[in-house]
Protein backbone atom coordinates (compact mmCIF):
# COMPACT_ATOMS: atom_id res chain seq x y z
CA MET A 1 12.70 3.63 -12.50
CA ALA A 2 9.85 0.91 -12.24
CA GLU A 3 7.61 1.72 -9.79
CA ASN A 4 7.27 -1.05 -6.83
CA ALA A 5 3.34 -1.48 -5.64
CA VAL A 6 1.89 -3.57 -3.50
CA PHE A 7 -2.10 -3.76 -4.21
CA VAL A 8 -3.59 -4.62 -1.25
CA GLY A 9 -7.39 -6.72 -1.50
CA ASN A 10 -9.13 -9.52 0.61
CA LYS A 11 -6.11 -11.70 1.39
CA PRO A 12 -4.68 -11.54 5.32
CA VAL A 13 -2.48 -8.99 6.08
CA MET A 14 0.61 -10.28 6.45
CA ASN A 15 0.29 -11.67 2.77
CA TYR A 16 0.72 -8.20 1.89
CA VAL A 17 3.59 -7.41 4.59
CA LEU A 18 5.53 -10.43 3.80
CA ALA A 19 5.21 -8.87 -0.31
CA VAL A 20 6.49 -5.19 0.87
CA LEU A 21 9.06 -6.95 2.78
CA THR A 22 9.89 -8.74 -0.38
CA GLN A 23 10.40 -5.37 -2.69
CA PHE A 24 12.54 -4.13 0.51
CA ASN A 25 14.97 -6.97 0.55
CA ASN A 26 14.86 -6.84 -2.83
CA GLY A 27 16.90 -3.36 -3.30
CA ALA A 28 13.92 -1.31 -3.59
CA LYS A 29 14.24 2.28 -2.02
CA GLU A 30 10.91 2.86 -1.76
CA VAL A 31 7.37 0.81 -2.03
CA ALA A 32 3.71 2.30 -2.53
CA ILE A 33 0.87 0.30 -1.06
CA LYS A 34 -2.64 0.89 -3.08
CA ALA A 35 -5.65 0.10 -1.93
CA ARG A 36 -9.37 1.52 -2.93
CA GLY A 37 -12.72 1.48 -0.85
CA LYS A 38 -12.77 -1.37 2.14
CA ALA A 39 -9.23 -2.57 1.79
CA ILE A 40 -7.75 0.92 2.86
CA SER A 41 -7.47 0.27 6.95
CA ARG A 42 -6.15 -3.08 5.60
CA ALA A 43 -3.20 -0.75 3.49
CA VAL A 44 -2.80 1.31 6.45
CA ASP A 45 -2.18 -2.02 8.64
CA VAL A 46 -0.18 -3.38 6.33
CA ALA A 47 2.06 -0.05 6.46
CA GLU A 48 2.33 0.22 10.10
CA ILE A 49 3.44 -3.20 10.67
CA VAL A 50 6.16 -3.45 8.19
CA ARG A 51 7.25 0.01 10.30
CA LYS A 52 6.71 -0.75 13.39
CA ARG A 53 7.59 -4.50 13.62
CA PHE A 54 9.59 -5.12 11.13
CA LEU A 55 11.74 -2.90 8.95
CA PRO A 56 12.34 0.54 11.81
CA ASP A 57 14.95 2.27 9.31
CA VAL A 58 11.78 2.85 7.12
CA ASP A 59 9.17 5.77 7.17
CA VAL A 60 6.16 6.80 5.52
CA LYS A 61 7.43 9.35 2.35
CA ASP A 62 4.11 10.34 1.25
CA ILE A 63 0.36 9.39 1.22
CA LYS A 64 -1.58 10.29 -1.43
CA ILE A 65 -5.83 9.88 -1.67
CA SER A 66 -8.23 10.19 -4.28
CA THR A 67 -11.88 8.80 -5.65
CA GLU A 68 -11.74 7.01 -8.84
CA GLN A 69 -15.04 6.25 -10.61
CA ILE A 70 -16.12 2.59 -11.25
CA GLU A 71 -18.74 1.59 -13.89
CA SER A 72 -20.55 -1.60 -12.96
CA GLU A 73 -23.82 -3.02 -14.16
CA GLN A 74 -25.47 -0.23 -11.59
CA GLY A 75 -23.77 2.45 -13.37
CA THR A 76 -21.07 4.83 -12.02
CA ALA A 77 -19.88 4.75 -8.52
CA ASN A 78 -17.09 6.55 -6.23
CA VAL A 79 -14.36 4.36 -5.00
CA SER A 80 -12.30 6.02 -2.25
CA ALA A 81 -8.17 5.00 -3.03
CA ILE A 82 -5.18 5.97 -1.01
CA GLU A 83 -1.30 5.04 -1.93
CA ILE A 84 0.75 5.24 1.08
CA ILE A 85 4.74 4.70 -0.39
CA LEU A 86 7.06 3.82 2.04
CA ALA A 87 10.94 4.41 2.01
CA LYS A 88 14.20 3.81 3.53
CA LYS A 89 15.22 6.44 5.69
CA GLU A 90 18.86 7.82 4.07
């Protein structure tokens, strides 16, 4: 099964909420919301808005946190990452 993922960046929160809702409306059983760095709080907001306002039958299945090493001109930097997996309740 191809993973249904929404990568959260700098756009407004509702853009990502709409993307998650679209995935579920297209028949997805679960959707992963992924973000890193400063976008992590926005990813949490997306998950909560989807659960509380739009899809009460969706719950958090899993949350994975990690650290990724990013190469830049200044050298390597450690960046925090999160993956929130939302799934429809059985």
